Amino acid sequence: MNTDLSTADERTVAAILLISKGFVPWPLRYSNRDHRTENWTQLSLLARSGSRRHERWIQVQVEELIDGFIAPCTFEVLTGAISRVIALRTWNVESDVVVAIQLPPTPLVIENAGGTYYFFRHPDHRIGTTYATVPYQGSVTLLQIIGDGGAVIIPPVLFERVCEWPDVADLPSLDFTNLMVGLP
């Protein structure tokens, strides 16, 4: 593995920082998600087997990312029990206001399509990708929870800012008391 960071690109440095904070960055090798889906299935099977082999398997994937052979220069952060992270997605300013008012500050990713992803610590029980509604000022706001088996793409514009992210262990928990989980 190449450990000389003097020539590392921003992607590699960002991935290393995220790893040091407990996140699981995953290389995007192709323009579609076939590679991740295929390897995610293998990873899920290893994790469910009860052995700790999945931790080494993640390490190998991350080493490939750090070695820098992957192009183009982007990656995603896995969500779910394996990474100990879930993401909450909003689609509009109203949803962002609800999250800002009702939930603790946490790292976020803003996508080009207008959605925002907020990262929280995994709740230690199975939670897949689902939808939730939150009551706010007489109406409800739709949110998406991205849990086990999901991922959030980290755009290159954020590579420099991941150094400001907290460790996964220090992420706030998502309080499910005000969330109506399931399709509205």
N, C-alpha and C. Protein backbone atom coordinates (compact mmCIF):
# COMPACT_ATOMS: atom_id res chain seq x y z
N MET A 1 0.84 -1.18 0.00
CA MET A 1 0.00 0.00 0.00
C MET A 1 0.88 1.24 0.00
N ASN A 2 0.54 2.22 -0.80
CA ASN A 2 1.28 3.47 -0.87
C ASN A 2 0.95 4.32 0.35
N THR A 3 1.94 4.65 1.16
CA THR A 3 1.70 5.45 2.35
C THR A 3 2.28 6.85 2.23
N ASP A 4 2.81 7.21 1.08
CA ASP A 4 3.36 8.53 0.87
C ASP A 4 2.24 9.51 0.52
N LEU A 5 1.83 10.32 1.49
CA LEU A 5 0.71 11.22 1.29
C LEU A 5 1.11 12.53 0.62
N SER A 6 2.41 12.74 0.38
CA SER A 6 2.83 13.99 -0.25
C SER A 6 2.32 14.10 -1.67
N THR A 7 2.08 12.97 -2.34
CA THR A 7 1.58 13.00 -3.71
C THR A 7 0.12 12.55 -3.79
N ALA A 8 -0.50 12.34 -2.65
CA ALA A 8 -1.89 11.86 -2.64
C ALA A 8 -2.84 12.94 -3.13
N ASP A 9 -3.85 12.51 -3.85
CA ASP A 9 -4.86 13.47 -4.29
C ASP A 9 -5.84 13.75 -3.15
N GLU A 10 -6.69 14.74 -3.35
CA GLU A 10 -7.64 15.13 -2.29
C GLU A 10 -8.57 13.98 -1.92
N ARG A 11 -8.94 13.16 -2.90
CA ARG A 11 -9.83 12.04 -2.63
C ARG A 11 -9.20 11.08 -1.64
N THR A 12 -7.93 10.76 -1.86
CA THR A 12 -7.24 9.82 -1.00
C THR A 12 -7.11 10.36 0.41
N VAL A 13 -6.74 11.61 0.53
CA VAL A 13 -6.62 12.23 1.85
C VAL A 13 -7.97 12.25 2.55
N ALA A 14 -9.04 12.60 1.81
CA ALA A 14 -10.38 12.61 2.41
C ALA A 14 -10.78 11.21 2.88
N ALA A 15 -10.48 10.19 2.07
CA ALA A 15 -10.82 8.82 2.45
C ALA A 15 -10.06 8.42 3.71
N ILE A 16 -8.79 8.75 3.79
CA ILE A 16 -7.99 8.41 4.97
C ILE A 16 -8.53 9.12 6.21
N LEU A 17 -8.89 10.39 6.06
CA LEU A 17 -9.47 11.12 7.20
C LEU A 17 -10.77 10.49 7.66
N LEU A 18 -11.63 10.12 6.70
CA LEU A 18 -12.90 9.49 7.07
C LEU A 18 -12.68 8.15 7.76
N ILE A 19 -11.72 7.37 7.28
CA ILE A 19 -11.39 6.09 7.92
C ILE A 19 -10.93 6.33 9.35
N SER A 20 -10.07 7.33 9.54
CA SER A 20 -9.56 7.62 10.89
C SER A 20 -10.68 8.04 11.83
N LYS A 21 -11.79 8.54 11.29
CA LYS A 21 -12.92 8.97 12.10
C LYS A 21 -13.98 7.87 12.26
N GLY A 22 -13.71 6.69 11.66
CA GLY A 22 -14.62 5.56 11.81
C GLY A 22 -15.62 5.37 10.68
N PHE A 23 -15.62 6.23 9.68
CA PHE A 23 -16.51 6.06 8.54
C PHE A 23 -15.95 4.98 7.61
N VAL A 24 -16.78 4.44 6.73
CA VAL A 24 -16.34 3.44 5.76
C VAL A 24 -16.52 4.00 4.35
N PRO A 25 -15.46 4.61 3.79
CA PRO A 25 -15.56 5.07 2.40
C PRO A 25 -15.49 3.88 1.45
N TRP A 26 -16.20 3.95 0.36
CA TRP A 26 -16.28 2.84 -0.58
C TRP A 26 -15.97 3.37 -1.97
N PRO A 27 -15.05 2.76 -2.69
CA PRO A 27 -14.68 3.26 -4.02
C PRO A 27 -15.79 3.09 -5.04
N LEU A 28 -16.00 4.12 -5.84
CA LEU A 28 -16.92 4.02 -6.98
C LEU A 28 -16.06 3.81 -8.21
N ARG A 29 -16.02 2.59 -8.70
CA ARG A 29 -15.13 2.27 -9.81
C ARG A 29 -15.78 2.46 -11.16
N TYR A 30 -17.10 2.44 -11.18
CA TYR A 30 -17.80 2.51 -12.45
C TYR A 30 -18.84 3.62 -12.38
N SER A 31 -19.48 3.87 -13.48
CA SER A 31 -20.49 4.93 -13.50
C SER A 31 -21.82 4.44 -12.94
N ASN A 32 -21.93 3.15 -12.62
CA ASN A 32 -23.15 2.66 -11.99
C ASN A 32 -22.78 1.98 -10.67
N ARG A 33 -23.77 1.47 -9.98
CA ARG A 33 -23.52 0.91 -8.66
C ARG A 33 -23.39 -0.61 -8.67
N ASP A 34 -23.23 -1.22 -9.86
CA ASP A 34 -23.15 -2.67 -9.92
C ASP A 34 -22.02 -3.22 -9.05
N HIS A 35 -20.87 -2.58 -9.09
CA HIS A 35 -19.73 -3.08 -8.34
C HIS A 35 -20.03 -3.06 -6.84
N ARG A 36 -20.57 -1.94 -6.35
CA ARG A 36 -20.86 -1.86 -4.92
C ARG A 36 -21.92 -2.87 -4.54
N THR A 37 -22.95 -3.00 -5.35
CA THR A 37 -24.02 -3.92 -5.03
C THR A 37 -23.50 -5.35 -4.93
N GLU A 38 -22.68 -5.74 -5.89
CA GLU A 38 -22.13 -7.10 -5.88
C GLU A 38 -21.26 -7.31 -4.64
N ASN A 39 -20.38 -6.38 -4.35
CA ASN A 39 -19.50 -6.53 -3.19
C ASN A 39 -20.24 -6.31 -1.89
N TRP A 40 -21.28 -5.47 -1.90
CA TRP A 40 -22.06 -5.25 -0.69
C TRP A 40 -22.74 -6.55 -0.27
N THR A 41 -23.24 -7.31 -1.23
CA THR A 41 -23.87 -8.60 -0.92
C THR A 41 -22.86 -9.52 -0.26
N GLN A 42 -21.66 -9.58 -0.81
CA GLN A 42 -20.60 -10.41 -0.22
C GLN A 42 -20.27 -9.92 1.19
N LEU A 43 -20.16 -8.63 1.38
CA LEU A 43 -19.86 -8.05 2.68
C LEU A 43 -20.98 -8.35 3.68
N SER A 44 -22.22 -8.21 3.26
CA SER A 44 -23.35 -8.48 4.15
C SER A 44 -23.36 -9.93 4.62
N LEU A 45 -23.07 -10.84 3.69
CA LEU A 45 -23.01 -12.26 4.06
C LEU A 45 -21.91 -12.52 5.08
N LEU A 46 -20.75 -11.91 4.87
CA LEU A 46 -19.65 -12.07 5.83
C LEU A 46 -20.03 -11.51 7.19
N ALA A 47 -20.68 -10.35 7.21
CA ALA A 47 -21.05 -9.72 8.48
C ALA A 47 -22.06 -10.57 9.23
N ARG A 48 -23.02 -11.14 8.51
CA ARG A 48 -24.07 -11.96 9.15
C ARG A 48 -23.55 -13.30 9.63
N SER A 49 -22.40 -13.73 9.11
CA SER A 49 -21.87 -15.04 9.48
C SER A 49 -21.41 -15.09 10.93
N GLY A 50 -21.28 -13.94 11.56
CA GLY A 50 -20.86 -13.90 12.95
C GLY A 50 -19.35 -13.82 13.13
N SER A 51 -18.62 -14.00 12.04
CA SER A 51 -17.16 -13.88 12.14
C SER A 51 -16.77 -12.42 12.01
N ARG A 52 -15.53 -12.13 12.24
CA ARG A 52 -15.05 -10.76 12.11
C ARG A 52 -14.32 -10.57 10.78
N ARG A 53 -14.49 -11.54 9.86
CA ARG A 53 -13.81 -11.46 8.57
C ARG A 53 -14.25 -10.25 7.76
N HIS A 54 -15.50 -9.76 7.99
CA HIS A 54 -15.97 -8.61 7.23
C HIS A 54 -15.12 -7.37 7.50
N GLU A 55 -14.55 -7.26 8.70
CA GLU A 55 -13.71 -6.10 9.00
C GLU A 55 -12.46 -6.09 8.12
N ARG A 56 -11.86 -7.25 7.94
CA ARG A 56 -10.68 -7.34 7.06
C ARG A 56 -11.07 -7.09 5.61
N TRP A 57 -12.25 -7.57 5.22
CA TRP A 57 -12.72 -7.38 3.85
C TRP A 57 -12.92 -5.89 3.55
N ILE A 58 -13.51 -5.16 4.51
CA ILE A 58 -13.65 -3.71 4.35
C ILE A 58 -12.27 -3.08 4.23
N GLN A 59 -11.34 -3.51 5.07
CA GLN A 59 -9.99 -2.95 5.04
C GLN A 59 -9.34 -3.12 3.67
N VAL A 60 -9.53 -4.28 3.05
CA VAL A 60 -8.97 -4.52 1.71
C VAL A 60 -9.58 -3.56 0.70
N GLN A 61 -10.90 -3.35 0.76
CA GLN A 61 -11.56 -2.42 -0.17
C GLN A 61 -11.02 -1.00 0.02
N VAL A 62 -10.84 -0.62 1.28
CA VAL A 62 -10.33 0.71 1.59
C VAL A 62 -8.89 0.87 1.13
N GLU A 63 -8.08 -0.19 1.30
CA GLU A 63 -6.69 -0.14 0.83
C GLU A 63 -6.64 0.07 -0.68
N GLU A 64 -7.57 -0.55 -1.41
CA GLU A 64 -7.63 -0.34 -2.86
C GLU A 64 -7.92 1.13 -3.16
N LEU A 65 -8.83 1.72 -2.38
CA LEU A 65 -9.16 3.13 -2.57
C LEU A 65 -7.94 4.00 -2.29
N ILE A 66 -7.25 3.72 -1.20
CA ILE A 66 -6.10 4.52 -0.80
C ILE A 66 -4.95 4.36 -1.79
N ASP A 67 -4.79 3.17 -2.35
CA ASP A 67 -3.73 2.96 -3.33
C ASP A 67 -3.90 3.84 -4.56
N GLY A 68 -5.08 4.37 -4.76
CA GLY A 68 -5.27 5.38 -5.79
C GLY A 68 -5.40 4.88 -7.21
N PHE A 69 -5.74 3.59 -7.42
CA PHE A 69 -5.83 3.12 -8.79
C PHE A 69 -7.21 3.35 -9.37
N ILE A 70 -8.10 3.85 -8.56
CA ILE A 70 -9.49 3.96 -8.99
C ILE A 70 -9.74 5.32 -9.65
N ALA A 71 -10.38 5.29 -10.78
CA ALA A 71 -10.80 6.52 -11.47
C ALA A 71 -12.25 6.33 -11.86
N PRO A 72 -13.06 7.32 -11.88
CA PRO A 72 -12.82 8.71 -11.53
C PRO A 72 -12.67 8.90 -10.02
N CYS A 73 -12.49 10.13 -9.61
CA CYS A 73 -12.03 10.40 -8.25
C CYS A 73 -13.17 10.62 -7.25
N THR A 74 -14.03 9.65 -7.09
CA THR A 74 -15.06 9.83 -6.09
C THR A 74 -15.29 8.54 -5.33
N PHE A 75 -15.98 8.66 -4.21
CA PHE A 75 -16.31 7.50 -3.39
C PHE A 75 -17.59 7.81 -2.64
N GLU A 76 -18.11 6.80 -1.98
CA GLU A 76 -19.30 6.98 -1.17
C GLU A 76 -19.02 6.48 0.24
N VAL A 77 -19.83 6.91 1.19
CA VAL A 77 -19.72 6.45 2.57
C VAL A 77 -20.86 5.46 2.79
N LEU A 78 -20.51 4.25 3.23
CA LEU A 78 -21.52 3.23 3.49
C LEU A 78 -22.33 3.60 4.72
N THR A 79 -23.60 3.21 4.71
CA THR A 79 -24.46 3.41 5.87
C THR A 79 -24.91 2.04 6.37
N GLY A 80 -25.35 2.00 7.61
CA GLY A 80 -25.86 0.76 8.17
C GLY A 80 -25.04 0.29 9.36
N ALA A 81 -25.39 -0.90 9.84
CA ALA A 81 -24.73 -1.45 11.04
C ALA A 81 -23.24 -1.64 10.84
N ILE A 82 -22.83 -2.02 9.63
CA ILE A 82 -21.42 -2.29 9.38
C ILE A 82 -20.59 -1.02 9.56
N SER A 83 -21.13 0.11 9.14
CA SER A 83 -20.37 1.36 9.25
C SER A 83 -20.76 2.16 10.50
N ARG A 84 -21.80 1.73 11.19
CA ARG A 84 -22.30 2.41 12.40
C ARG A 84 -22.82 3.81 12.10
N VAL A 85 -23.31 4.04 10.88
CA VAL A 85 -23.80 5.35 10.46
C VAL A 85 -25.11 5.18 9.71
N ILE A 86 -26.05 6.11 9.92
CA ILE A 86 -27.22 6.22 9.05
C ILE A 86 -27.26 7.65 8.52
N ALA A 87 -27.99 7.84 7.44
CA ALA A 87 -28.13 9.18 6.88
C ALA A 87 -29.62 9.52 6.80
N LEU A 88 -29.93 10.76 7.00
CA LEU A 88 -31.28 11.28 6.88
C LEU A 88 -31.28 12.21 5.68
N ARG A 89 -32.15 11.97 4.70
CA ARG A 89 -32.16 12.78 3.48
C ARG A 89 -33.39 13.68 3.45
N THR A 90 -33.15 14.93 3.09
CA THR A 90 -34.23 15.88 2.86
C THR A 90 -34.20 16.29 1.39
N TRP A 91 -35.32 16.83 0.91
CA TRP A 91 -35.39 17.22 -0.50
C TRP A 91 -35.59 18.70 -0.73
N ASN A 92 -35.96 19.45 0.29
CA ASN A 92 -36.27 20.86 0.06
C ASN A 92 -35.94 21.70 1.29
N VAL A 93 -36.05 22.98 1.14
CA VAL A 93 -35.69 23.92 2.21
C VAL A 93 -36.57 23.70 3.44
N GLU A 94 -37.85 23.43 3.24
CA GLU A 94 -38.74 23.20 4.38
C GLU A 94 -38.25 22.02 5.22
N SER A 95 -37.85 20.94 4.55
CA SER A 95 -37.33 19.77 5.27
C SER A 95 -36.04 20.11 5.99
N ASP A 96 -35.18 20.90 5.34
CA ASP A 96 -33.92 21.31 5.98
C ASP A 96 -34.18 22.13 7.23
N VAL A 97 -35.20 22.98 7.19
CA VAL A 97 -35.55 23.79 8.36
C VAL A 97 -36.01 22.88 9.50
N VAL A 98 -36.84 21.89 9.19
CA VAL A 98 -37.32 20.95 10.20
C VAL A 98 -36.14 20.24 10.86
N VAL A 99 -35.21 19.76 10.03
CA VAL A 99 -34.04 19.06 10.56
C VAL A 99 -33.21 20.00 11.43
N ALA A 100 -32.99 21.22 10.94
CA ALA A 100 -32.17 22.19 11.68
C ALA A 100 -32.79 22.53 13.03
N ILE A 101 -34.11 22.62 13.10
CA ILE A 101 -34.79 23.00 14.33
C ILE A 101 -34.90 21.82 15.30
N GLN A 102 -35.23 20.64 14.78
CA GLN A 102 -35.58 19.52 15.64
C GLN A 102 -34.44 18.53 15.92
N LEU A 103 -33.35 18.61 15.16
CA LEU A 103 -32.29 17.62 15.33
C LEU A 103 -30.95 18.29 15.65
N PRO A 104 -30.05 17.58 16.32
CA PRO A 104 -28.75 18.17 16.67
C PRO A 104 -27.88 18.39 15.44
N PRO A 105 -26.93 19.33 15.50
CA PRO A 105 -26.02 19.56 14.36
C PRO A 105 -25.21 18.30 14.07
N THR A 106 -24.98 18.05 12.79
CA THR A 106 -24.27 16.86 12.36
C THR A 106 -23.68 17.10 10.98
N PRO A 107 -22.67 16.31 10.54
CA PRO A 107 -22.13 16.52 9.19
C PRO A 107 -23.21 16.33 8.13
N LEU A 108 -23.05 17.04 7.02
CA LEU A 108 -24.04 16.91 5.96
C LEU A 108 -23.37 16.95 4.60
N VAL A 109 -24.08 16.41 3.62
CA VAL A 109 -23.66 16.42 2.21
C VAL A 109 -24.82 16.98 1.42
N ILE A 110 -24.56 18.00 0.61
CA ILE A 110 -25.59 18.56 -0.26
C ILE A 110 -25.33 18.07 -1.67
N GLU A 111 -26.34 17.42 -2.26
CA GLU A 111 -26.17 16.87 -3.61
C GLU A 111 -26.62 17.88 -4.65
N ASN A 112 -26.15 17.71 -5.86
CA ASN A 112 -26.50 18.62 -6.95
C ASN A 112 -27.99 18.64 -7.24
N ALA A 113 -28.68 17.54 -7.01
CA ALA A 113 -30.11 17.45 -7.31
C ALA A 113 -30.96 18.20 -6.28
N GLY A 114 -30.33 18.75 -5.25
CA GLY A 114 -31.07 19.54 -4.28
C GLY A 114 -31.34 18.85 -2.96
N GLY A 115 -30.98 17.60 -2.81
CA GLY A 115 -31.19 16.91 -1.54
C GLY A 115 -30.03 17.16 -0.59
N THR A 116 -30.29 16.96 0.68
CA THR A 116 -29.26 17.09 1.71
C THR A 116 -29.26 15.82 2.55
N TYR A 117 -28.06 15.30 2.84
CA TYR A 117 -27.91 14.10 3.68
C TYR A 117 -27.26 14.51 4.99
N TYR A 118 -27.90 14.14 6.11
CA TYR A 118 -27.38 14.40 7.45
C TYR A 118 -26.95 13.07 8.06
N PHE A 119 -25.76 13.00 8.62
CA PHE A 119 -25.24 11.76 9.18
C PHE A 119 -25.49 11.66 10.68
N PHE A 120 -25.94 10.46 11.10
CA PHE A 120 -26.18 10.18 12.51
C PHE A 120 -25.59 8.82 12.86
N ARG A 121 -25.41 8.59 14.14
CA ARG A 121 -24.92 7.29 14.61
C ARG A 121 -26.03 6.25 14.42
N HIS A 122 -25.64 5.03 14.04
CA HIS A 122 -26.59 3.94 13.82
C HIS A 122 -27.28 3.60 15.14
N PRO A 123 -28.59 3.30 15.12
CA PRO A 123 -29.33 3.06 16.37
C PRO A 123 -29.13 1.68 16.99
N ASP A 124 -28.24 0.85 16.47
CA ASP A 124 -27.96 -0.49 17.03
C ASP A 124 -29.13 -1.46 16.90
N HIS A 125 -30.04 -1.19 16.02
CA HIS A 125 -31.06 -2.17 15.64
C HIS A 125 -31.23 -2.06 14.13
N ARG A 126 -31.69 -3.12 13.51
CA ARG A 126 -31.80 -3.14 12.05
C ARG A 126 -32.69 -2.00 11.57
N ILE A 127 -32.15 -1.23 10.66
CA ILE A 127 -32.95 -0.19 10.01
C ILE A 127 -32.49 -0.09 8.56
N GLY A 128 -33.39 -0.42 7.69
CA GLY A 128 -33.09 -0.34 6.26
C GLY A 128 -33.34 1.06 5.75
N THR A 129 -33.36 1.18 4.45
CA THR A 129 -33.69 2.47 3.85
C THR A 129 -35.21 2.56 3.81
N THR A 130 -35.73 3.61 4.40
CA THR A 130 -37.17 3.78 4.53
C THR A 130 -37.51 5.27 4.52
N TYR A 131 -38.76 5.58 4.61
CA TYR A 131 -39.20 6.97 4.65
C TYR A 131 -39.80 7.27 6.01
N ALA A 132 -39.77 8.53 6.38
CA ALA A 132 -40.35 8.95 7.65
C ALA A 132 -41.00 10.31 7.45
N THR A 133 -41.96 10.61 8.27
CA THR A 133 -42.57 11.94 8.25
C THR A 133 -42.37 12.57 9.62
N VAL A 134 -42.25 13.87 9.62
CA VAL A 134 -42.08 14.62 10.85
C VAL A 134 -43.15 15.71 10.89
N PRO A 135 -43.93 15.78 11.98
CA PRO A 135 -44.91 16.87 12.07
C PRO A 135 -44.20 18.21 12.25
N TYR A 136 -44.68 19.23 11.55
CA TYR A 136 -44.09 20.56 11.67
C TYR A 136 -45.10 21.61 11.27
N GLN A 137 -45.45 22.49 12.20
CA GLN A 137 -46.37 23.61 11.97
C GLN A 137 -47.64 23.19 11.26
N GLY A 138 -48.29 22.16 11.78
CA GLY A 138 -49.58 21.73 11.25
C GLY A 138 -49.52 20.85 10.02
N SER A 139 -48.34 20.59 9.48
CA SER A 139 -48.24 19.68 8.34
C SER A 139 -47.15 18.65 8.63
N VAL A 140 -46.82 17.85 7.65
CA VAL A 140 -45.77 16.87 7.82
C VAL A 140 -44.72 17.06 6.73
N THR A 141 -43.50 16.72 7.07
CA THR A 141 -42.38 16.81 6.13
C THR A 141 -41.86 15.40 5.88
N LEU A 142 -41.63 15.08 4.62
CA LEU A 142 -41.13 13.76 4.24
C LEU A 142 -39.61 13.73 4.30
N LEU A 143 -39.07 12.70 4.94
CA LEU A 143 -37.63 12.48 5.04
C LEU A 143 -37.33 11.04 4.62
N GLN A 144 -36.12 10.78 4.19
CA GLN A 144 -35.70 9.42 3.88
C GLN A 144 -34.59 9.04 4.84
N ILE A 145 -34.70 7.85 5.42
CA ILE A 145 -33.65 7.32 6.29
C ILE A 145 -32.88 6.29 5.47
N ILE A 146 -31.57 6.47 5.36
CA ILE A 146 -30.73 5.55 4.60
C ILE A 146 -29.91 4.75 5.61
N GLY A 147 -30.27 3.49 5.74
CA GLY A 147 -29.66 2.64 6.75
C GLY A 147 -28.89 1.48 6.15
N ASP A 148 -29.15 0.28 6.68
CA ASP A 148 -28.41 -0.92 6.30
C ASP A 148 -28.45 -1.14 4.79
N GLY A 149 -27.28 -1.30 4.20
CA GLY A 149 -27.17 -1.55 2.76
C GLY A 149 -27.14 -0.32 1.90
N GLY A 150 -27.17 0.86 2.49
CA GLY A 150 -27.19 2.10 1.72
C GLY A 150 -25.82 2.77 1.66
N ALA A 151 -25.78 3.89 0.98
CA ALA A 151 -24.54 4.66 0.85
C ALA A 151 -24.88 6.08 0.42
N VAL A 152 -23.96 7.00 0.71
CA VAL A 152 -24.09 8.40 0.29
C VAL A 152 -22.81 8.78 -0.44
N ILE A 153 -22.96 9.28 -1.66
CA ILE A 153 -21.79 9.71 -2.44
C ILE A 153 -21.23 10.99 -1.84
N ILE A 154 -19.91 11.02 -1.69
CA ILE A 154 -19.23 12.22 -1.19
C ILE A 154 -18.68 12.96 -2.42
N PRO A 155 -19.25 14.12 -2.74
CA PRO A 155 -18.78 14.83 -3.92
C PRO A 155 -17.39 15.44 -3.69
N PRO A 156 -16.60 15.58 -4.76
CA PRO A 156 -15.24 16.13 -4.62
C PRO A 156 -15.18 17.48 -3.92
N VAL A 157 -16.23 18.28 -4.03
CA VAL A 157 -16.22 19.59 -3.40
C VAL A 157 -16.10 19.49 -1.87
N LEU A 158 -16.45 18.34 -1.30
CA LEU A 158 -16.38 18.17 0.16
C LEU A 158 -15.08 17.56 0.64
N PHE A 159 -14.21 17.13 -0.26
CA PHE A 159 -13.01 16.42 0.16
C PHE A 159 -12.21 17.20 1.20
N GLU A 160 -12.09 18.51 1.01
CA GLU A 160 -11.31 19.32 1.96
C GLU A 160 -12.00 19.48 3.30
N ARG A 161 -13.33 19.34 3.34
CA ARG A 161 -14.07 19.65 4.56
C ARG A 161 -14.28 18.46 5.48
N VAL A 162 -13.96 17.24 5.04
CA VAL A 162 -14.21 16.09 5.91
C VAL A 162 -13.33 16.12 7.16
N CYS A 163 -12.25 16.89 7.13
CA CYS A 163 -11.41 17.00 8.32
C CYS A 163 -12.19 17.62 9.48
N GLU A 164 -13.28 18.33 9.18
CA GLU A 164 -14.10 18.96 10.21
C GLU A 164 -15.15 18.01 10.78
N TRP A 165 -15.33 16.85 10.17
CA TRP A 165 -16.36 15.92 10.62
C TRP A 165 -15.92 15.28 11.94
N PRO A 166 -16.89 14.98 12.82
CA PRO A 166 -16.54 14.29 14.08
C PRO A 166 -16.31 12.80 13.83
N ASP A 167 -15.77 12.12 14.83
CA ASP A 167 -15.66 10.67 14.78
C ASP A 167 -17.07 10.07 14.77
N VAL A 168 -17.21 8.89 14.16
CA VAL A 168 -18.51 8.22 14.13
C VAL A 168 -19.06 8.06 15.55
N ALA A 169 -18.21 7.70 16.49
CA ALA A 169 -18.66 7.51 17.87
C ALA A 169 -19.23 8.79 18.48
N ASP A 170 -18.84 9.94 17.94
CA ASP A 170 -19.32 11.22 18.47
C ASP A 170 -20.51 11.79 17.69
N LEU A 171 -20.97 11.08 16.67
CA LEU A 171 -22.15 11.54 15.93
C LEU A 171 -23.36 11.51 16.85
N PRO A 172 -24.27 12.45 16.68
CA PRO A 172 -25.48 12.39 17.50
C PRO A 172 -26.37 11.23 17.06
N SER A 173 -27.18 10.75 17.99
CA SER A 173 -28.17 9.72 17.66
C SER A 173 -29.37 10.41 17.04
N LEU A 174 -30.07 9.68 16.20
CA LEU A 174 -31.30 10.19 15.62
C LEU A 174 -32.44 9.80 16.54
N ASP A 175 -33.14 10.80 17.07
CA ASP A 175 -34.25 10.55 17.98
C ASP A 175 -35.48 10.19 17.14
N PHE A 176 -35.92 8.95 17.26
CA PHE A 176 -37.03 8.47 16.46
C PHE A 176 -38.39 8.82 17.07
N THR A 177 -38.41 9.49 18.22
CA THR A 177 -39.68 9.77 18.89
C THR A 177 -40.62 10.63 18.04
N ASN A 178 -40.07 11.62 17.35
CA ASN A 178 -40.91 12.50 16.54
C ASN A 178 -41.07 12.03 15.10
N LEU A 179 -40.43 10.92 14.74
CA LEU A 179 -40.50 10.44 13.37
C LEU A 179 -41.57 9.36 13.24
N MET A 180 -42.39 9.48 12.23
CA MET A 180 -43.34 8.44 11.89
C MET A 180 -42.68 7.63 10.77
N VAL A 181 -42.06 6.51 11.12
CA VAL A 181 -41.31 5.73 10.14
C VAL A 181 -42.26 4.87 9.32
N GLY A 182 -42.01 4.82 8.03
CA GLY A 182 -42.84 4.10 7.08
C GLY A 182 -43.41 5.09 6.07
N LEU A 183 -43.89 4.59 4.97
CA LEU A 183 -44.44 5.49 3.95
C LEU A 183 -45.66 6.21 4.48
N PRO A 184 -45.77 7.53 4.17
CA PRO A 184 -46.92 8.29 4.66
C PRO A 184 -48.21 7.84 4.01
